Amino acid sequence: MNPVSHAARLGLSRGWTEFRKSVTSGQEMGFTVFFAMVIVVVLFLQRDRTVVGTSLSLAMATLPSAVGMMLAMGAYSGTSGALTVEREDGTLLRAKAIPNGMVGYVVGRLLSVALIAVISILIVLLPGLFVVPELASTDLAGWLTLIWVIALGLLATMPWGVIIGSLAKSPNSLFMLVMLPIMILTTISGIFYPISAMPGWVQTIAQAFPVYWLGLGVRSAFLPDAAAAVEITGTWRTLATIGVLSAWTLAGLVVAPPILRRMARRESGADMEQRRQQALQRYG
């Protein structure tokens, strides 16, 4: 068997094991569950209100965008956060010492992050079937659209999480590199407010990043066609969504490997010990 393929298979096995371990750990899943339940509570409070001028419930209008936001946040922060922490605790250094170990590590980590992202979305959607009655009326085409948006969205965002994690100096630096940009992009990407009502230059910036397209894709899965009237062109722009997310996927797959290899080459026991001492000073 090809050594790289063998390493990838071991990575898939490791990723599945890490996922199972994570979902049974209250500490690791605590924030994910808490954040998802906050969204469910918001939907519950919105269930009896409607979007002005329509019969669409406010909860149903909020749900798709919230799912898109969760998908982006989980992919970016989950991948970059794990990579940064495991650089600090020596996991990456040990993977580097094994032939094709970095291949297995990355495959395993991406699988684990992807599965946790899907679980977080299910934690919202399953109660949403009872809290938001319109969700239960989604047809097969809508659910299939959701599946390809999630799959393509993860491919478009996780490689960039790897890139950010490779460039971050410490877990503490991730707020400026991940969370703050995601919060800004979420604000301008039509997640909480129709993007068509924003200034043209804001719309242009938002459309350059995956967050907007993830929200648009999920809205196209769940909302009626009439709801597209508040979008930029008055349509769901399915082909554009596929095109932009695919472009981010290809760019990430091209850029991530050399950056990750460069980071791995520079890893050493001395660097790890220095980071460990710095971590002890931060938390000790």
C-alpha atoms as a PDB file:
ATOM      1  CA  MET A   1       0.000   0.000   0.000  1.00  0.00           C
ATOM      2  CA  ASN A   2       1.136   3.529  -0.765  1.00  0.00           C
ATOM      3  CA  PRO A   3       2.677   4.989   2.452  1.00  0.00           C
ATOM      4  CA  VAL A   4       0.771   8.263   2.104  1.00  0.00           C
ATOM      5  CA  SER A   5      -2.538   6.438   1.581  1.00  0.00           C
ATOM      6  CA  HIS A   6      -1.778   4.262   4.590  1.00  0.00           C
ATOM      7  CA  ALA A   7      -1.062   7.360   6.697  1.00  0.00           C
ATOM      8  CA  ALA A   8      -4.327   8.930   5.515  1.00  0.00           C
ATOM      9  CA  ARG A   9      -6.261   5.809   6.517  1.00  0.00           C
ATOM     10  CA  LEU A  10      -4.657   5.859   9.940  1.00  0.00           C
ATOM     11  CA  GLY A  11      -5.580   9.542  10.141  1.00  0.00           C
ATOM     12  CA  LEU A  12      -9.227   8.765   9.416  1.00  0.00           C
ATOM     13  CA  SER A  13      -9.195   6.158  12.173  1.00  0.00           C
ATOM     14  CA  ARG A  14      -7.565   8.610  14.558  1.00  0.00           C
ATOM     15  CA  GLY A  15     -10.036  11.356  13.626  1.00  0.00           C
ATOM     16  CA  TRP A  16     -12.995   9.078  14.321  1.00  0.00           C
ATOM     17  CA  THR A  17     -11.504   8.067  17.671  1.00  0.00           C
ATOM     18  CA  GLU A  18     -10.874  11.707  18.627  1.00  0.00           C
ATOM     19  CA  PHE A  19     -14.418  12.620  17.626  1.00  0.00           C
ATOM     20  CA  ARG A  20     -15.914   9.865  19.775  1.00  0.00           C
ATOM     21  CA  LYS A  21     -13.734  10.960  22.662  1.00  0.00           C
ATOM     22  CA  SER A  22     -14.771  14.597  22.220  1.00  0.00           C
ATOM     23  CA  VAL A  23     -18.531  13.970  22.155  1.00  0.00           C
ATOM     24  CA  THR A  24     -18.302  12.025  25.422  1.00  0.00           C
ATOM     25  CA  SER A  25     -16.264  14.748  27.111  1.00  0.00           C
ATOM     26  CA  GLY A  26     -18.353  17.396  28.822  1.00  0.00           C
ATOM     27  CA  GLN A  27     -15.391  19.712  28.984  1.00  0.00           C
ATOM     28  CA  GLU A  28     -14.652  19.545  25.255  1.00  0.00           C
ATOM     29  CA  MET A  29     -18.282  19.709  24.068  1.00  0.00           C
ATOM     30  CA  GLY A  30     -19.488  22.131  26.737  1.00  0.00           C
ATOM     31  CA  PHE A  31     -19.046  25.338  24.751  1.00  0.00           C
ATOM     32  CA  THR A  32     -20.356  23.771  21.538  1.00  0.00           C
ATOM     33  CA  VAL A  33     -23.539  22.602  23.237  1.00  0.00           C
ATOM     34  CA  PHE A  34     -23.946  25.875  25.147  1.00  0.00           C
ATOM     35  CA  PHE A  35     -23.601  27.994  22.000  1.00  0.00           C
ATOM     36  CA  ALA A  36     -26.035  25.779  20.077  1.00  0.00           C
ATOM     37  CA  MET A  37     -28.598  25.895  22.876  1.00  0.00           C
ATOM     38  CA  VAL A  38     -28.346  29.692  23.048  1.00  0.00           C
ATOM     39  CA  ILE A  39     -29.419  29.749  19.399  1.00  0.00           C
ATOM     40  CA  VAL A  40     -32.284  27.353  20.147  1.00  0.00           C
ATOM     41  CA  VAL A  41     -33.473  29.640  22.963  1.00  0.00           C
ATOM     42  CA  VAL A  42     -33.338  32.644  20.623  1.00  0.00           C
ATOM     43  CA  LEU A  43     -35.402  30.739  18.063  1.00  0.00           C
ATOM     44  CA  PHE A  44     -37.925  29.800  20.754  1.00  0.00           C
ATOM     45  CA  LEU A  45     -38.316  33.451  21.749  1.00  0.00           C
ATOM     46  CA  GLN A  46     -38.813  34.437  18.095  1.00  0.00           C
ATOM     47  CA  ARG A  47     -41.275  31.685  17.216  1.00  0.00           C
ATOM     48  CA  ASP A  48     -44.433  33.833  17.428  1.00  0.00           C
ATOM     49  CA  ARG A  49     -43.048  36.871  15.614  1.00  0.00           C
ATOM     50  CA  THR A  50     -43.029  37.330  11.837  1.00  0.00           C
ATOM     51  CA  VAL A  51     -40.810  39.196   9.407  1.00  0.00           C
ATOM     52  CA  VAL A  52     -42.410  42.565   8.670  1.00  0.00           C
ATOM     53  CA  GLY A  53     -44.708  42.394   5.654  1.00  0.00           C
ATOM     54  CA  THR A  54     -44.604  38.574   5.390  1.00  0.00           C
ATOM     55  CA  SER A  55     -46.021  35.490   7.056  1.00  0.00           C
ATOM     56  CA  LEU A  56     -42.525  34.041   7.555  1.00  0.00           C
ATOM     57  CA  SER A  57     -41.682  33.566  11.219  1.00  0.00           C
ATOM     58  CA  LEU A  58     -38.679  35.472  12.524  1.00  0.00           C
ATOM     59  CA  ALA A  59     -37.320  32.202  13.929  1.00  0.00           C
ATOM     60  CA  MET A  60     -37.352  30.596  10.475  1.00  0.00           C
ATOM     61  CA  ALA A  61     -35.617  33.641   8.997  1.00  0.00           C
ATOM     62  CA  THR A  62     -32.927  33.513  11.697  1.00  0.00           C
ATOM     63  CA  LEU A  63     -32.264  29.763  11.702  1.00  0.00           C
ATOM     64  CA  PRO A  64     -30.503  29.334   8.304  1.00  0.00           C
ATOM     65  CA  SER A  65     -28.130  32.245   8.853  1.00  0.00           C
ATOM     66  CA  ALA A  66     -27.299  30.966  12.347  1.00  0.00           C
ATOM     67  CA  VAL A  67     -26.443  27.552  10.890  1.00  0.00           C
ATOM     68  CA  GLY A  68     -24.156  29.170   8.307  1.00  0.00           C
ATOM     69  CA  MET A  69     -22.441  31.180  11.036  1.00  0.00           C
ATOM     70  CA  MET A  70     -21.942  28.073  13.206  1.00  0.00           C
ATOM     71  CA  LEU A  71     -20.460  26.198  10.269  1.00  0.00           C
ATOM     72  CA  ALA A  72     -17.913  28.928   9.566  1.00  0.00           C
ATOM     73  CA  MET A  73     -16.979  29.460  13.208  1.00  0.00           C
ATOM     74  CA  GLY A  74     -16.637  25.738  13.889  1.00  0.00           C
ATOM     75  CA  ALA A  75     -14.430  25.124  10.854  1.00  0.00           C
ATOM     76  CA  TYR A  76     -12.127  28.107  11.309  1.00  0.00           C
ATOM     77  CA  SER A  77     -11.778  28.113  15.082  1.00  0.00           C
ATOM     78  CA  GLY A  78     -11.916  24.347  15.566  1.00  0.00           C
ATOM     79  CA  THR A  79      -9.110  23.636  13.107  1.00  0.00           C
ATOM     80  CA  SER A  80      -6.860  26.565  14.002  1.00  0.00           C
ATOM     81  CA  GLY A  81      -7.439  26.164  17.746  1.00  0.00           C
ATOM     82  CA  ALA A  82      -6.575  22.465  17.786  1.00  0.00           C
ATOM     83  CA  LEU A  83      -3.478  22.987  15.636  1.00  0.00           C
ATOM     84  CA  THR A  84      -2.181  25.786  17.864  1.00  0.00           C
ATOM     85  CA  VAL A  85      -2.770  23.896  21.098  1.00  0.00           C
ATOM     86  CA  GLU A  86      -1.181  20.729  19.745  1.00  0.00           C
ATOM     87  CA  ARG A  87       1.879  22.629  18.608  1.00  0.00           C
ATOM     88  CA  GLU A  88       2.255  23.790  22.194  1.00  0.00           C
ATOM     89  CA  ASP A  89       1.774  20.387  23.858  1.00  0.00           C
ATOM     90  CA  GLY A  90       4.115  18.493  21.495  1.00  0.00           C
ATOM     91  CA  THR A  91       1.533  16.527  19.511  1.00  0.00           C
ATOM     92  CA  LEU A  92       2.741  18.001  16.221  1.00  0.00           C
ATOM     93  CA  LEU A  93       6.366  17.335  17.081  1.00  0.00           C
ATOM     94  CA  ARG A  94       5.573  13.671  17.693  1.00  0.00           C
ATOM     95  CA  ALA A  95       3.602  13.449  14.445  1.00  0.00           C
ATOM     96  CA  LYS A  96       6.513  15.011  12.582  1.00  0.00           C
ATOM     97  CA  ALA A  97       8.863  12.296  13.882  1.00  0.00           C
ATOM     98  CA  ILE A  98       6.782   9.538  12.210  1.00  0.00           C
ATOM     99  CA  PRO A  99       7.053   8.919   8.440  1.00  0.00           C
ATOM    100  CA  ASN A 100       4.058  10.664   6.846  1.00  0.00           C
ATOM    101  CA  GLY A 101       2.877  11.401  10.360  1.00  0.00           C
ATOM    102  CA  MET A 102       1.785  14.930   9.435  1.00  0.00           C
ATOM    103  CA  VAL A 103      -0.489  13.513   6.726  1.00  0.00           C
ATOM    104  CA  GLY A 104      -2.224  11.283   9.245  1.00  0.00           C
ATOM    105  CA  TYR A 105      -2.401  14.103  11.787  1.00  0.00           C
ATOM    106  CA  VAL A 106      -4.016  16.606   9.405  1.00  0.00           C
ATOM    107  CA  VAL A 107      -6.497  14.078   7.992  1.00  0.00           C
ATOM    108  CA  GLY A 108      -7.512  13.024  11.490  1.00  0.00           C
ATOM    109  CA  ARG A 109      -7.854  16.561  12.761  1.00  0.00           C
ATOM    110  CA  LEU A 110      -9.938  17.710   9.791  1.00  0.00           C
ATOM    111  CA  LEU A 111     -12.277  14.731  10.128  1.00  0.00           C
ATOM    112  CA  SER A 112     -12.747  15.361  13.837  1.00  0.00           C
ATOM    113  CA  VAL A 113     -13.447  19.080  13.336  1.00  0.00           C
ATOM    114  CA  ALA A 114     -15.877  18.383  10.484  1.00  0.00           C
ATOM    115  CA  LEU A 115     -17.842  15.843  12.518  1.00  0.00           C
ATOM    116  CA  ILE A 116     -18.055  18.153  15.531  1.00  0.00           C
ATOM    117  CA  ALA A 117     -19.269  20.976  13.262  1.00  0.00           C
ATOM    118  CA  VAL A 118     -22.007  18.695  11.915  1.00  0.00           C
ATOM    119  CA  ILE A 119     -22.994  17.644  15.441  1.00  0.00           C
ATOM    120  CA  SER A 120     -23.274  21.285  16.531  1.00  0.00           C
ATOM    121  CA  ILE A 121     -25.598  21.980  13.602  1.00  0.00           C
ATOM    122  CA  LEU A 122     -27.730  18.935  14.463  1.00  0.00           C
ATOM    123  CA  ILE A 123     -28.013  20.173  18.056  1.00  0.00           C
ATOM    124  CA  VAL A 124     -29.750  23.250  16.608  1.00  0.00           C
ATOM    125  CA  LEU A 125     -31.765  21.586  13.843  1.00  0.00           C
ATOM    126  CA  LEU A 126     -33.288  18.734  15.843  1.00  0.00           C
ATOM    127  CA  PRO A 127     -34.931  20.966  18.495  1.00  0.00           C
ATOM    128  CA  GLY A 128     -35.612  23.420  15.657  1.00  0.00           C
ATOM    129  CA  LEU A 129     -38.026  20.903  14.127  1.00  0.00           C
ATOM    130  CA  PHE A 130     -40.257  21.463  17.164  1.00  0.00           C
ATOM    131  CA  VAL A 131     -39.474  25.119  17.876  1.00  0.00           C
ATOM    132  CA  VAL A 132     -39.772  26.279  14.238  1.00  0.00           C
ATOM    133  CA  PRO A 133     -42.723  24.478  12.593  1.00  0.00           C
ATOM    134  CA  GLU A 134     -41.788  25.687   9.076  1.00  0.00           C
ATOM    135  CA  LEU A 135     -38.514  23.737   9.283  1.00  0.00           C
ATOM    136  CA  ALA A 136     -40.399  20.434   9.242  1.00  0.00           C
ATOM    137  CA  SER A 137     -41.935  21.358   5.885  1.00  0.00           C
ATOM    138  CA  THR A 138     -38.533  21.550   4.163  1.00  0.00           C
ATOM    139  CA  ASP A 139     -38.588  19.282   1.124  1.00  0.00           C
ATOM    140  CA  LEU A 140     -35.979  16.744   0.001  1.00  0.00           C
ATOM    141  CA  ALA A 141     -34.328  19.261  -2.332  1.00  0.00           C
ATOM    142  CA  GLY A 142     -33.843  21.613   0.608  1.00  0.00           C
ATOM    143  CA  TRP A 143     -32.163  18.973   2.775  1.00  0.00           C
ATOM    144  CA  LEU A 144     -29.937  17.894  -0.118  1.00  0.00           C
ATOM    145  CA  THR A 145     -28.958  21.539  -0.625  1.00  0.00           C
ATOM    146  CA  LEU A 146     -28.056  21.776   3.058  1.00  0.00           C
ATOM    147  CA  ILE A 147     -25.830  18.688   2.755  1.00  0.00           C
ATOM    148  CA  TRP A 148     -23.790  20.016  -0.179  1.00  0.00           C
ATOM    149  CA  VAL A 149     -23.518  23.473   1.386  1.00  0.00           C
ATOM    150  CA  ILE A 150     -22.145  21.945   4.598  1.00  0.00           C
ATOM    151  CA  ALA A 151     -19.727  19.681   2.719  1.00  0.00           C
ATOM    152  CA  LEU A 152     -18.448  22.401   0.378  1.00  0.00           C
ATOM    153  CA  GLY A 153     -18.412  24.945   3.207  1.00  0.00           C
ATOM    154  CA  LEU A 154     -16.175  22.735   5.332  1.00  0.00           C
ATOM    155  CA  LEU A 155     -13.816  22.197   2.403  1.00  0.00           C
ATOM    156  CA  ALA A 156     -13.706  25.950   1.787  1.00  0.00           C
ATOM    157  CA  THR A 157     -12.942  26.910   5.388  1.00  0.00           C
ATOM    158  CA  MET A 158     -10.993  24.150   7.145  1.00  0.00           C
ATOM    159  CA  PRO A 159      -7.790  24.484   5.060  1.00  0.00           C
ATOM    160  CA  TRP A 160      -7.719  28.159   6.036  1.00  0.00           C
ATOM    161  CA  GLY A 161      -8.098  27.134   9.662  1.00  0.00           C
ATOM    162  CA  VAL A 162      -4.958  25.040   9.161  1.00  0.00           C
ATOM    163  CA  ILE A 163      -3.185  28.061   7.669  1.00  0.00           C
ATOM    164  CA  ILE A 164      -4.192  30.328  10.558  1.00  0.00           C
ATOM    165  CA  GLY A 165      -3.191  27.713  13.126  1.00  0.00           C
ATOM    166  CA  SER A 166       0.199  27.316  11.426  1.00  0.00           C
ATOM    167  CA  LEU A 167       0.823  31.052  11.579  1.00  0.00           C
ATOM    168  CA  ALA A 168      -0.456  31.665  15.125  1.00  0.00           C
ATOM    169  CA  LYS A 169       2.227  32.038  17.783  1.00  0.00           C
ATOM    170  CA  SER A 170       0.041  30.831  20.669  1.00  0.00           C
ATOM    171  CA  PRO A 171      -3.596  29.924  21.467  1.00  0.00           C
ATOM    172  CA  ASN A 172      -4.076  33.408  22.913  1.00  0.00           C
ATOM    173  CA  SER A 173      -3.330  35.020  19.546  1.00  0.00           C
ATOM    174  CA  LEU A 174      -6.259  33.234  17.902  1.00  0.00           C
ATOM    175  CA  PHE A 175      -8.765  35.833  19.069  1.00  0.00           C
ATOM    176  CA  MET A 176      -7.201  38.447  16.817  1.00  0.00           C
ATOM    177  CA  LEU A 177      -6.592  35.980  13.976  1.00  0.00           C
ATOM    178  CA  VAL A 178      -9.892  34.067  14.036  1.00  0.00           C
ATOM    179  CA  MET A 179     -12.644  35.190  16.381  1.00  0.00           C
ATOM    180  CA  LEU A 180     -12.466  38.932  15.767  1.00  0.00           C
ATOM    181  CA  PRO A 181     -12.433  38.610  11.936  1.00  0.00           C
ATOM    182  CA  ILE A 182     -15.284  36.063  12.072  1.00  0.00           C
ATOM    183  CA  MET A 183     -17.341  38.392  14.274  1.00  0.00           C
ATOM    184  CA  ILE A 184     -16.780  41.255  11.841  1.00  0.00           C
ATOM    185  CA  LEU A 185     -17.589  39.125   8.779  1.00  0.00           C
ATOM    186  CA  THR A 186     -20.690  37.756  10.488  1.00  0.00           C
ATOM    187  CA  THR A 187     -21.887  41.306  11.133  1.00  0.00           C
ATOM    188  CA  ILE A 188     -21.527  42.390   7.491  1.00  0.00           C
ATOM    189  CA  SER A 189     -22.497  39.129   5.760  1.00  0.00           C
ATOM    190  CA  GLY A 190     -26.261  39.237   6.111  1.00  0.00           C
ATOM    191  CA  ILE A 191     -26.371  36.813   9.023  1.00  0.00           C
ATOM    192  CA  PHE A 192     -28.384  39.082  11.318  1.00  0.00           C
ATOM    193  CA  TYR A 193     -29.527  41.768   8.882  1.00  0.00           C
ATOM    194  CA  PRO A 194     -30.258  41.700   5.119  1.00  0.00           C
ATOM    195  CA  ILE A 195     -27.031  42.430   3.275  1.00  0.00           C
ATOM    196  CA  SER A 196     -28.911  44.239   0.508  1.00  0.00           C
ATOM    197  CA  ALA A 197     -29.646  47.062   2.967  1.00  0.00           C
ATOM    198  CA  MET A 198     -25.936  47.640   3.613  1.00  0.00           C
ATOM    199  CA  PRO A 199     -23.639  50.052   1.711  1.00  0.00           C
ATOM    200  CA  GLY A 200     -22.288  48.769  -1.590  1.00  0.00           C
ATOM    201  CA  TRP A 201     -18.674  48.650  -0.403  1.00  0.00           C
ATOM    202  CA  VAL A 202     -19.716  46.529   2.595  1.00  0.00           C
ATOM    203  CA  GLN A 203     -21.544  44.128   0.274  1.00  0.00           C
ATOM    204  CA  THR A 204     -18.438  43.831  -1.903  1.00  0.00           C
ATOM    205  CA  ILE A 205     -16.218  42.969   1.076  1.00  0.00           C
ATOM    206  CA  ALA A 206     -18.708  40.444   2.456  1.00  0.00           C
ATOM    207  CA  GLN A 207     -19.041  38.640  -0.883  1.00  0.00           C
ATOM    208  CA  ALA A 208     -15.293  38.113  -1.040  1.00  0.00           C
ATOM    209  CA  PHE A 209     -15.398  35.709   1.935  1.00  0.00           C
ATOM    210  CA  PRO A 210     -17.065  32.317   2.514  1.00  0.00           C
ATOM    211  CA  VAL A 211     -19.192  33.403   5.509  1.00  0.00           C
ATOM    212  CA  TYR A 212     -21.691  35.271   3.330  1.00  0.00           C
ATOM    213  CA  TRP A 213     -21.990  32.402   0.852  1.00  0.00           C
ATOM    214  CA  LEU A 214     -22.468  29.823   3.603  1.00  0.00           C
ATOM    215  CA  GLY A 215     -25.337  31.841   5.039  1.00  0.00           C
ATOM    216  CA  LEU A 216     -26.818  32.350   1.557  1.00  0.00           C
ATOM    217  CA  GLY A 217     -26.532  28.650   0.753  1.00  0.00           C
ATOM    218  CA  VAL A 218     -28.299  27.549   3.923  1.00  0.00           C
ATOM    219  CA  ARG A 219     -31.001  30.197   3.440  1.00  0.00           C
ATOM    220  CA  SER A 220     -31.610  28.822  -0.055  1.00  0.00           C
ATOM    221  CA  ALA A 221     -32.104  25.365   1.479  1.00  0.00           C
ATOM    222  CA  PHE A 222     -34.701  26.364   4.057  1.00  0.00           C
ATOM    223  CA  LEU A 223     -36.440  29.580   3.019  1.00  0.00           C
ATOM    224  CA  PRO A 224     -39.129  29.982   0.343  1.00  0.00           C
ATOM    225  CA  ASP A 225     -38.108  31.481  -2.994  1.00  0.00           C
ATOM    226  CA  ALA A 226     -39.936  34.700  -2.134  1.00  0.00           C
ATOM    227  CA  ALA A 227     -37.436  35.301   0.679  1.00  0.00           C
ATOM    228  CA  ALA A 228     -34.684  35.759  -1.916  1.00  0.00           C
ATOM    229  CA  ALA A 229     -36.136  39.198  -2.635  1.00  0.00           C
ATOM    230  CA  VAL A 230     -33.981  40.686   0.154  1.00  0.00           C
ATOM    231  CA  GLU A 231     -30.780  39.170  -1.252  1.00  0.00           C
ATOM    232  CA  ILE A 232     -28.384  41.214  -3.389  1.00  0.00           C
ATOM    233  CA  THR A 233     -29.727  40.107  -6.784  1.00  0.00           C
ATOM    234  CA  GLY A 234     -33.118  38.935  -5.584  1.00  0.00           C
ATOM    235  CA  THR A 235     -32.083  35.299  -6.217  1.00  0.00           C
ATOM    236  CA  TRP A 236     -30.264  32.551  -4.316  1.00  0.00           C
ATOM    237  CA  ARG A 237     -27.308  32.567  -6.754  1.00  0.00           C
ATOM    238  CA  THR A 238     -26.664  28.834  -6.375  1.00  0.00           C
ATOM    239  CA  LEU A 239     -24.020  28.642  -9.108  1.00  0.00           C
ATOM    240  CA  ALA A 240     -22.177  31.636  -7.657  1.00  0.00           C
ATOM    241  CA  THR A 241     -22.257  30.001  -4.209  1.00  0.00           C
ATOM    242  CA  ILE A 242     -20.721  26.835  -5.633  1.00  0.00           C
ATOM    243  CA  GLY A 243     -18.153  28.842  -7.576  1.00  0.00           C
ATOM    244  CA  VAL A 244     -16.973  31.044  -4.708  1.00  0.00           C
ATOM    245  CA  LEU A 245     -16.801  28.222  -2.161  1.00  0.00           C
ATOM    246  CA  SER A 246     -14.976  26.020  -4.694  1.00  0.00           C
ATOM    247  CA  ALA A 247     -12.470  28.820  -5.341  1.00  0.00           C
ATOM    248  CA  TRP A 248     -11.767  29.138  -1.613  1.00  0.00           C
ATOM    249  CA  THR A 249     -11.412  25.342  -1.426  1.00  0.00           C
ATOM    250  CA  LEU A 250      -8.868  25.194  -4.254  1.00  0.00           C
ATOM    251  CA  ALA A 251      -6.923  28.173  -2.909  1.00  0.00           C
ATOM    252  CA  GLY A 252      -6.828  26.647   0.572  1.00  0.00           C
ATOM    253  CA  LEU A 253      -5.648  23.272  -0.722  1.00  0.00           C
ATOM    254  CA  VAL A 254      -2.862  25.005  -2.646  1.00  0.00           C
ATOM    255  CA  VAL A 255      -1.732  27.365   0.113  1.00  0.00           C
ATOM    256  CA  ALA A 256      -2.155  25.198   3.219  1.00  0.00           C
ATOM    257  CA  PRO A 257       0.297  22.319   2.498  1.00  0.00           C
ATOM    258  CA  PRO A 258       3.465  24.432   1.981  1.00  0.00           C
ATOM    259  CA  ILE A 259       2.677  26.610   5.012  1.00  0.00           C
ATOM    260  CA  LEU A 260       2.032  23.551   7.154  1.00  0.00           C
ATOM    261  CA  ARG A 261       5.235  21.865   5.913  1.00  0.00           C
ATOM    262  CA  ARG A 262       7.223  25.013   6.659  1.00  0.00           C
ATOM    263  CA  MET A 263       5.782  25.188  10.158  1.00  0.00           C
ATOM    264  CA  ALA A 264       6.495  21.496  10.761  1.00  0.00           C
ATOM    265  CA  ARG A 265      10.117  21.808   9.565  1.00  0.00           C
ATOM    266  CA  ARG A 266      10.708  24.614  12.050  1.00  0.00           C
ATOM    267  CA  GLU A 267       9.284  22.684  14.999  1.00  0.00           C
ATOM    268  CA  SER A 268      11.840  21.486  17.528  1.00  0.00           C
ATOM    269  CA  GLY A 269      11.979  20.257  21.075  1.00  0.00           C
ATOM    270  CA  ALA A 270      13.519  23.551  22.185  1.00  0.00           C
ATOM    271  CA  ASP A 271      10.644  25.521  20.635  1.00  0.00           C
ATOM    272  CA  MET A 272       8.096  23.277  22.291  1.00  0.00           C
ATOM    273  CA  GLU A 273       9.755  23.650  25.694  1.00  0.00           C
ATOM    274  CA  GLN A 274       9.852  27.431  25.292  1.00  0.00           C
ATOM    275  CA  ARG A 275       6.139  27.507  24.491  1.00  0.00           C
ATOM    276  CA  ARG A 276       5.432  25.197  27.424  1.00  0.00           C
ATOM    277  CA  GLN A 277       7.231  27.536  29.792  1.00  0.00           C
ATOM    278  CA  GLN A 278       5.342  30.505  28.372  1.00  0.00           C
ATOM    279  CA  ALA A 279       2.064  28.635  28.842  1.00  0.00           C
ATOM    280  CA  LEU A 280       2.982  27.860  32.460  1.00  0.00           C
ATOM    281  CA  GLN A 281       3.642  31.530  33.044  1.00  0.00           C
ATOM    282  CA  ARG A 282       0.273  32.472  31.499  1.00  0.00           C
ATOM    283  CA  TYR A 283      -1.761  29.994  33.486  1.00  0.00           C
ATOM    284  CA  GLY A 284       0.457  29.451  36.538  1.00  0.00           C
END
